[in-house]
Amino acid sequence: MHTKMLEQLCLDEIGEIPNEIILWHLEDGFAEYLIKFENNIALITMSMYDVEEDGIGYLLEQRLYISPQNYISGSIDSHSINSEQILLKITENQEIYFTDNGKNIQNLIEVLESWVIEINSKQSSDSLRSRFSSLRREKQAIISKFDQLNFEAIKSDMDYLEQKLKNTQRKLAGNEIED
């Protein structure tokens, strides 16, 4: 049930349904998630509340996006705030409070870093495939241009120019040439 709410929240707020969701912490009316999208990662905390007509509503409390292209491996830092909270600092300007629920915070960091590697690897191979396709199209365009050329006419022109060069060279050497 919480996963469906989170997917809807992601669709509403981000415009994308997650590829993978890990529930980090859940207690009455409060949940924290690690979310992997196609090209980004998010850390989200949300509150749930009862709504008379619809059943359950949700409110986005905190969200932090990690762009794998800009992420520096090993840069996540964690500080214990109290016995229940951890401050995760991703970059100088990116931080989020998460619950220290007895889980190993290093596991959370390892999951995030493995997702970064996975997304960057996929983007790198996608980029290489795109570049390969582009080079293949470029090669075909060059082959097509060669096919359109009239090589006999070019060869004839080259032979004519070569003869003219030889004649000019002989004239420069002082030899008389009959045209």
Protein backbone atom coordinates (compact mmCIF):
# COMPACT_ATOMS: atom_id res chain seq x y z
CA MET A 1 0.00 0.00 0.00
CA HIS A 2 2.78 2.45 0.90
CA THR A 3 4.62 1.55 -2.30
CA LYS A 4 1.59 2.45 -4.44
CA MET A 5 1.30 5.78 -2.61
CA LEU A 6 4.99 6.45 -3.15
CA GLU A 7 4.80 5.56 -6.84
CA GLN A 8 1.87 7.96 -7.21
CA LEU A 9 3.77 10.66 -5.30
CA CYS A 10 6.79 10.18 -7.58
CA LEU A 11 4.59 10.32 -10.65
CA ASP A 12 2.86 13.49 -9.38
CA GLU A 13 5.97 15.27 -8.09
CA ILE A 14 8.72 14.01 -10.40
CA GLY A 15 6.85 12.73 -13.43
CA GLU A 16 8.48 9.31 -13.28
CA ILE A 17 7.72 5.96 -11.68
CA PRO A 18 10.68 4.51 -9.71
CA ASN A 19 12.70 1.55 -10.97
CA GLU A 20 13.47 0.42 -7.42
CA ILE A 21 12.23 1.36 -3.95
CA ILE A 22 13.80 0.44 -0.63
CA LEU A 23 11.87 1.16 2.56
CA TRP A 24 14.42 2.40 5.09
CA HIS A 25 12.11 3.14 8.01
CA LEU A 26 8.39 2.84 8.72
CA GLU A 27 6.44 3.72 11.82
CA ASP A 28 2.96 5.06 12.49
CA GLY A 29 2.31 7.69 9.87
CA PHE A 30 5.92 8.14 8.78
CA ALA A 31 8.14 6.45 6.16
CA GLU A 32 11.61 6.93 4.66
CA TYR A 33 12.61 5.57 1.27
CA LEU A 34 15.60 5.16 -1.00
CA ILE A 35 14.38 5.43 -4.59
CA LYS A 36 16.17 4.69 -7.85
CA PHE A 37 14.85 6.21 -11.06
CA GLU A 38 16.14 5.77 -14.60
CA ASN A 39 18.73 8.57 -14.27
CA ASN A 40 18.48 9.83 -10.68
CA ILE A 41 18.29 8.72 -7.08
CA ALA A 42 16.05 10.18 -4.38
CA LEU A 43 15.87 10.01 -0.62
CA ILE A 44 12.31 10.76 0.48
CA THR A 45 10.57 11.05 3.82
CA MET A 46 6.81 11.31 3.91
CA SER A 47 3.98 11.40 6.42
CA MET A 48 0.74 9.52 6.00
CA TYR A 49 -2.54 10.60 7.56
CA ASP A 50 -6.16 9.47 7.57
CA VAL A 51 -8.50 11.12 5.14
CA GLU A 52 -12.21 10.51 5.67
CA GLU A 53 -13.20 10.11 2.04
CA ASP A 54 -10.07 8.66 0.45
CA GLY A 55 -8.66 6.59 3.30
CA ILE A 56 -5.01 7.66 3.52
CA GLY A 57 -3.29 10.83 2.41
CA TYR A 58 0.40 11.56 2.26
CA LEU A 59 2.59 14.58 2.69
CA LEU A 60 6.11 14.88 1.35
CA GLU A 61 8.29 15.93 4.29
CA GLN A 62 11.80 15.88 2.79
CA ARG A 63 13.31 14.92 -0.51
CA LEU A 64 16.83 14.95 -1.81
CA TYR A 65 17.89 14.06 -5.33
CA ILE A 66 21.29 12.69 -6.24
CA SER A 67 22.41 13.20 -9.81
CA PRO A 68 24.82 10.31 -10.51
CA GLN A 69 26.71 12.28 -13.18
CA ASN A 70 27.68 14.91 -10.58
CA TYR A 71 28.18 12.57 -7.63
CA ILE A 72 31.69 12.02 -6.29
CA SER A 73 32.19 8.48 -5.02
CA GLY A 74 32.73 8.29 -1.26
CA SER A 75 31.36 11.79 -0.62
CA ILE A 76 28.36 10.79 1.53
CA ASP A 77 28.98 11.70 5.14
CA SER A 78 26.74 10.76 8.08
CA HIS A 79 26.49 12.39 11.49
CA SER A 80 24.48 11.06 14.39
CA ILE A 81 22.20 13.84 15.63
CA ASN A 82 20.70 11.89 18.51
CA SER A 83 19.79 8.28 19.22
CA GLU A 84 17.09 8.39 16.56
CA GLN A 85 18.34 10.69 13.80
CA ILE A 86 21.21 10.78 11.33
CA LEU A 87 22.17 13.69 9.13
CA LEU A 88 23.23 12.45 5.69
CA LYS A 89 25.33 14.97 3.84
CA ILE A 90 25.66 14.22 0.14
CA THR A 91 27.37 17.43 -0.96
CA GLU A 92 28.02 20.81 0.62
CA ASN A 93 24.48 21.91 -0.24
CA GLN A 94 22.63 18.59 -0.04
CA GLU A 95 21.65 17.03 3.26
CA ILE A 96 18.71 15.14 4.69
CA TYR A 97 17.70 13.78 8.08
CA PHE A 98 17.02 10.06 8.23
CA THR A 99 16.07 7.78 11.09
CA ASP A 100 18.76 5.77 12.82
CA ASN A 101 16.66 2.68 13.28
CA GLY A 102 19.44 0.32 14.19
CA LYS A 103 20.23 -0.49 10.58
CA ASN A 104 23.80 -0.07 9.49
CA ILE A 105 24.02 3.37 7.87
CA GLN A 106 26.95 2.06 5.83
CA ASN A 107 24.47 -0.28 4.08
CA LEU A 108 22.41 2.74 3.03
CA ILE A 109 25.52 4.47 1.68
CA GLU A 110 26.61 1.31 -0.17
CA VAL A 111 23.16 0.98 -1.80
CA LEU A 112 23.25 4.61 -2.95
CA GLU A 113 26.79 4.30 -4.31
CA SER A 114 25.99 1.03 -6.12
CA TRP A 115 22.99 2.74 -7.74
CA VAL A 116 25.22 5.65 -8.81
CA ILE A 117 27.66 3.21 -10.43
CA GLU A 118 24.82 1.30 -12.11
CA ILE A 119 23.17 4.45 -13.53
CA ASN A 120 26.49 5.94 -14.69
CA SER A 121 27.48 2.64 -16.29
CA LYS A 122 24.17 2.43 -18.15
CA GLN A 123 24.43 6.06 -19.29
CA SER A 124 28.01 5.48 -20.43
CA SER A 125 27.08 2.42 -22.48
CA ASP A 126 24.02 4.26 -23.87
CA SER A 127 26.32 7.11 -24.87
CA LEU A 128 28.75 4.71 -26.55
CA ARG A 129 25.92 2.99 -28.43
CA SER A 130 24.65 6.37 -29.58
CA ARG A 131 28.16 7.42 -30.68
CA PHE A 132 28.63 4.10 -32.51
CA SER A 133 25.32 4.58 -34.36
CA SER A 134 26.28 8.13 -35.24
CA LEU A 135 29.65 7.00 -36.63
CA ARG A 136 27.97 4.24 -38.63
CA ARG A 137 25.57 6.79 -40.18
CA GLU A 138 28.51 9.10 -40.94
CA LYS A 139 30.38 6.23 -42.63
CA GLN A 140 27.32 5.42 -44.77
CA ALA A 141 27.03 9.07 -45.80
CA ILE A 142 30.68 9.11 -46.93
CA ILE A 143 30.26 5.83 -48.84
CA SER A 144 27.17 7.27 -50.51
CA LYS A 145 29.11 10.38 -51.56
CA PHE A 146 31.88 8.21 -53.06
CA ASP A 147 29.28 6.17 -54.93
CA GLN A 148 27.91 9.37 -56.48
CA LEU A 149 31.31 10.51 -57.73
CA ASN A 150 32.40 9.83 -61.30
CA PHE A 151 35.88 8.42 -60.79
CA GLU A 152 36.64 8.04 -64.55
CA ALA A 153 36.16 11.76 -65.11
CA ILE A 154 38.31 12.54 -62.08
CA LYS A 155 41.03 10.13 -63.30
CA SER A 156 40.95 11.73 -66.74
CA ASP A 157 41.29 15.21 -65.22
CA MET A 158 44.17 14.00 -63.02
CA ASP A 159 45.98 12.46 -66.03
CA TYR A 160 45.55 15.73 -67.95
CA LEU A 161 46.90 17.77 -65.01
CA GLU A 162 49.81 15.37 -64.57
CA GLN A 163 50.77 15.77 -68.26
CA LYS A 164 50.51 19.57 -67.98
CA LEU A 165 52.76 19.51 -64.89
CA LYS A 166 55.38 17.41 -66.70
CA ASN A 167 55.30 19.73 -69.71
CA THR A 168 55.63 22.81 -67.52
CA GLN A 169 58.51 21.21 -65.64
CA ARG A 170 60.33 20.44 -68.91
CA LYS A 171 59.81 24.01 -70.12
CA LEU A 172 61.25 25.28 -66.85
CA ALA A 173 64.24 22.99 -67.40
CA GLY A 174 64.78 24.61 -70.81
CA ASN A 175 63.48 21.79 -72.98
CA GLU A 176 61.27 22.61 -75.93
CA ILE A 177 57.93 20.81 -75.81
CA GLU A 178 55.52 20.44 -78.66
CA ASP A 179 51.90 20.84 -77.56
